[in-house]
Each structure stands twice: as C-alpha cells, then as structure tokens.
Amino acid sequence: MAKVELKQPVVQAIADDVKDAVSVVLVDYRGLTVAQDTELRKQLREAGIIYKVCKNTMMKRAFEGTEFAALDEHLEGPSAIAISKDDATAPARILAKFAKDAKALELKAGVVEGEAYDQAGLQALASIPSREELLSKLLGSLQSPITNLARVLNQIAEQGGAEACMAAAPAEEAAEAPAEE
C-alpha cells in the first residue's frame, strides 16, 4: 500500500504534463552519452518541450483513459517522453534530427494531435517544417509580387516616368489579351 502512495504523485505529474499536450513522443535513449543527453535536453527545453525519463508502468497509469494510451504497446525497455503543448511536430522534428547524429537515440512511437504514429510516421512528421518556417515562406511569397512591382515602378521612374509608362502599357495589354484560336 505504501508503494502505491509513493508512486501516485509521479503518475499524477505525468498525467498533468500530458493533459493539454498536442503531442507526446516516446524514445529509447539507451546508449546516449551524458554530453549527448545534456545537449538533447537543452534543445528540447529551448523549444518548450517537456522531456522526462519515466518508468513504463507509471506512464501506462498516467495514459489510462487518454488518447495517449495508444502508446502502451511501445512501453518496453527504457523509455523517455517528449511532450509539447504548443507545436505538434516539434518533438518529432527535434528528436529525429538529433537521432541522425546520435544513432543510439531511437524514436519508438508518438501521438500527435490525437493520431498515433509509429517510428516511420514520426520520421515523416519530422520532415514537415515548423509553423514559423511555413509562415516565413508564405510571407516571402506574398512579398515577392510587391517587391517586383516596386522594382518595375522604380525602373519606369528612372527611364523617364510617364513616357515610358505609356509606351509599356500597350505592350502589357497585348500580353494579357487571350490568344484567339
């Protein structure tokens, strides 16, 4: 009875961490050096990801009745969990990138936005750019036409203003007119 009482706070802490999580990724960390583990924890912490090494039985109890119970079958051997409450793909992305250099780190499985993924699925998720990268690409593609317009207007102004604009207008209208068949 005393052992159960001692374990309950640990189970509750894990349950609290995963309660509002958008993704949880399980990894096998066996074979990582202390330096590698420290660097991995630093990268995850900087991305706002909770990383814990927990006993499998504790995680199973904490996952009971949640979407993360799908991870139970992968809870064999030493396991650590990476939990994100904001960026759904961040844990998979950071862990997969880190595993390229640290061959000992092995992604087991994960639940991302309610969907269970195996190791191959996590690798595929890891290739998806972060939200910030996608937004910067979108912004870049939105700015491109504006930049090009400014460049054309600047060239017109340098070439003599209105006369060049009038000469360019008929050529542009001809290019925009659909070709008749």
Protein backbone atom coordinates (compact mmCIF):
# COMPACT_ATOMS: atom_id res chain seq x y z
CA MET A 1 0.00 0.00 0.00
CA ALA A 2 2.82 2.41 0.83
CA LYS A 3 4.45 1.86 -2.58
CA VAL A 4 1.25 2.84 -4.37
CA GLU A 5 1.02 6.01 -2.31
CA LEU A 6 4.61 6.91 -3.22
CA LYS A 7 4.00 6.29 -6.93
CA GLN A 8 0.76 8.27 -7.15
CA PRO A 9 2.42 11.73 -7.24
CA VAL A 10 4.71 10.56 -10.08
CA VAL A 11 1.75 9.22 -12.07
CA GLN A 12 -0.16 12.45 -11.40
CA ALA A 13 2.79 14.57 -12.56
CA ILE A 14 2.96 12.67 -15.87
CA ALA A 15 -0.83 12.90 -16.27
CA ASP A 16 -0.67 16.67 -15.66
CA ASP A 17 2.09 17.06 -18.26
CA VAL A 18 0.16 15.18 -20.98
CA LYS A 19 -3.26 16.64 -20.08
CA ASP A 20 -3.17 19.54 -22.55
CA ALA A 21 -0.43 18.16 -24.80
CA VAL A 22 -0.76 18.30 -28.59
CA SER A 23 1.93 15.65 -28.98
CA VAL A 24 3.78 13.04 -26.99
CA VAL A 25 6.73 11.14 -28.45
CA LEU A 26 8.36 8.07 -26.89
CA VAL A 27 12.06 7.43 -27.37
CA ASP A 28 14.59 4.81 -26.35
CA TYR A 29 17.55 6.77 -25.02
CA ARG A 30 19.84 3.80 -24.19
CA GLY A 31 23.40 4.37 -25.29
CA LEU A 32 23.36 8.17 -25.26
CA THR A 33 26.40 9.71 -23.65
CA VAL A 34 25.94 12.21 -20.85
CA ALA A 35 27.02 15.00 -23.22
CA GLN A 36 24.50 13.89 -25.86
CA ASP A 37 21.71 13.63 -23.30
CA THR A 38 22.53 17.09 -21.94
CA GLU A 39 22.52 18.59 -25.46
CA LEU A 40 19.22 16.86 -26.32
CA ARG A 41 17.57 18.12 -23.14
CA LYS A 42 18.84 21.65 -23.90
CA GLN A 43 17.41 21.63 -27.44
CA LEU A 44 14.05 20.32 -26.24
CA ARG A 45 13.88 22.80 -23.35
CA GLU A 46 14.63 25.72 -25.72
CA ALA A 47 11.70 24.59 -27.89
CA GLY A 48 9.38 24.49 -24.86
CA ILE A 49 9.17 20.70 -24.81
CA ILE A 50 8.96 18.71 -21.58
CA TYR A 51 11.36 15.74 -21.61
CA LYS A 52 11.26 13.09 -18.90
CA VAL A 53 12.62 9.65 -18.26
CA CYS A 54 9.86 7.69 -16.54
CA LYS A 55 9.07 4.12 -15.62
CA ASN A 56 6.84 2.42 -18.16
CA THR A 57 4.30 1.35 -15.53
CA MET A 58 3.98 4.96 -14.36
CA MET A 59 3.40 6.17 -17.92
CA LYS A 60 0.81 3.43 -18.56
CA ARG A 61 -1.13 4.54 -15.49
CA ALA A 62 -0.88 8.20 -16.46
CA PHE A 63 -2.03 7.46 -20.04
CA GLU A 64 -5.10 5.44 -18.92
CA GLY A 65 -8.29 6.86 -20.38
CA THR A 66 -6.47 9.34 -22.66
CA GLU A 67 -5.58 9.31 -26.35
CA PHE A 68 -2.00 8.59 -25.27
CA ALA A 69 -2.99 5.07 -24.13
CA ALA A 70 -2.18 4.09 -27.74
CA LEU A 71 1.48 4.28 -26.69
CA ASP A 72 1.13 1.44 -24.14
CA GLU A 73 2.25 -1.25 -26.59
CA HIS A 74 5.52 0.64 -27.18
CA LEU A 75 6.38 0.94 -23.49
CA GLU A 76 9.12 -1.68 -23.38
CA GLY A 77 12.66 -1.13 -22.26
CA PRO A 78 13.92 2.25 -21.08
CA SER A 79 11.62 5.00 -22.30
CA ALA A 80 11.62 8.76 -22.20
CA ILE A 81 8.79 11.04 -23.28
CA ALA A 82 8.88 14.37 -25.04
CA ILE A 83 5.71 16.41 -24.52
CA SER A 84 4.68 19.52 -26.43
CA LYS A 85 1.71 21.70 -25.59
CA ASP A 86 2.17 24.15 -28.49
CA ASP A 87 3.97 22.89 -31.62
CA ALA A 88 2.62 19.46 -32.55
CA THR A 89 5.55 18.44 -34.76
CA ALA A 90 8.39 19.93 -32.69
CA PRO A 91 9.21 16.85 -30.57
CA ALA A 92 9.34 14.54 -33.60
CA ARG A 93 11.34 17.09 -35.60
CA ILE A 94 13.94 17.77 -32.89
CA LEU A 95 14.30 14.13 -31.83
CA ALA A 96 14.60 12.84 -35.42
CA LYS A 97 17.20 15.48 -36.26
CA PHE A 98 19.15 14.66 -33.10
CA ALA A 99 18.93 10.91 -33.81
CA LYS A 100 20.73 11.41 -37.15
CA ASP A 101 23.93 12.24 -35.27
CA ALA A 102 23.24 10.26 -32.08
CA LYS A 103 22.50 6.81 -33.51
CA ALA A 104 21.73 5.45 -30.03
CA LEU A 105 18.55 7.57 -29.80
CA GLU A 106 15.60 5.68 -31.23
CA LEU A 107 12.12 7.06 -31.82
CA LYS A 108 9.55 4.47 -30.73
CA ALA A 109 6.11 5.97 -31.35
CA GLY A 110 4.04 9.05 -30.69
CA VAL A 111 0.61 10.58 -30.56
CA VAL A 112 0.31 13.85 -32.43
CA GLU A 113 -2.97 15.77 -32.31
CA GLY A 114 -4.86 12.60 -31.32
CA GLU A 115 -3.34 10.43 -34.07
CA ALA A 116 -0.99 7.54 -33.17
CA TYR A 117 2.20 7.21 -35.23
CA ASP A 118 4.84 4.51 -35.37
CA GLN A 119 8.53 5.19 -35.94
CA ALA A 120 8.13 5.65 -39.72
CA GLY A 121 5.18 8.00 -39.20
CA LEU A 122 7.21 10.11 -36.78
CA GLN A 123 10.03 10.33 -39.33
CA ALA A 124 7.53 11.59 -41.91
CA LEU A 125 6.16 14.16 -39.43
CA ALA A 126 9.69 15.29 -38.67
CA SER A 127 10.13 16.38 -42.28
CA ILE A 128 7.25 18.87 -42.00
CA PRO A 129 8.61 22.39 -41.50
CA SER A 130 7.75 24.21 -38.29
CA ARG A 131 4.87 26.69 -38.18
CA GLU A 132 7.36 29.59 -38.15
CA GLU A 133 9.15 28.26 -41.26
CA LEU A 134 5.85 27.85 -43.10
CA LEU A 135 4.74 31.36 -42.13
CA SER A 136 8.03 32.86 -43.29
CA LYS A 137 7.71 31.05 -46.64
CA LEU A 138 4.16 32.35 -47.01
CA LEU A 139 5.26 35.87 -46.14
CA GLY A 140 8.10 35.61 -48.65
CA SER A 141 5.74 34.51 -51.42
CA LEU A 142 3.35 37.34 -50.56
CA GLN A 143 6.15 39.92 -50.58
CA SER A 144 7.61 38.75 -53.89
CA PRO A 145 4.96 40.33 -56.20
CA ILE A 146 5.07 43.57 -54.21
CA THR A 147 8.86 43.68 -54.47
CA ASN A 148 8.71 43.01 -58.21
CA LEU A 149 6.11 45.76 -58.69
CA ALA A 150 8.28 48.22 -56.77
CA ARG A 151 11.28 47.24 -58.91
CA VAL A 152 9.31 47.80 -62.17
CA LEU A 153 7.96 51.14 -60.96
CA ASN A 154 11.46 52.19 -59.98
CA GLN A 155 12.79 51.27 -63.45
CA ILE A 156 9.96 53.21 -65.11
CA ALA A 157 10.76 56.26 -62.98
CA GLU A 158 14.46 56.01 -63.91
CA GLN A 159 13.67 55.69 -67.65
CA GLY A 160 11.71 58.88 -67.87
CA GLY A 161 8.49 58.45 -65.99
CA ALA A 162 5.22 58.88 -67.88
CA GLU A 163 6.55 58.43 -71.43
CA ALA A 164 7.97 55.02 -70.56
CA CYS A 165 4.78 54.11 -68.72
CA MET A 166 2.62 54.98 -71.74
CA ALA A 167 4.89 53.01 -74.06
CA ALA A 168 4.83 49.99 -71.75
CA ALA A 169 1.03 49.96 -71.29
CA PRO A 170 0.05 48.82 -74.83
CA ALA A 171 2.65 46.02 -74.70
CA GLU A 172 1.27 44.78 -71.38
CA GLU A 173 -2.33 44.86 -72.66
CA ALA A 174 -1.34 42.79 -75.69
CA ALA A 175 0.37 40.23 -73.44
CA GLU A 176 -2.70 39.96 -71.20
CA ALA A 177 -5.22 39.52 -74.04
CA PRO A 178 -6.14 35.84 -74.53
CA ALA A 179 -4.90 34.29 -77.75
CA GLU A 180 -7.71 33.61 -80.23
CA GLU A 181 -7.78 30.19 -81.82
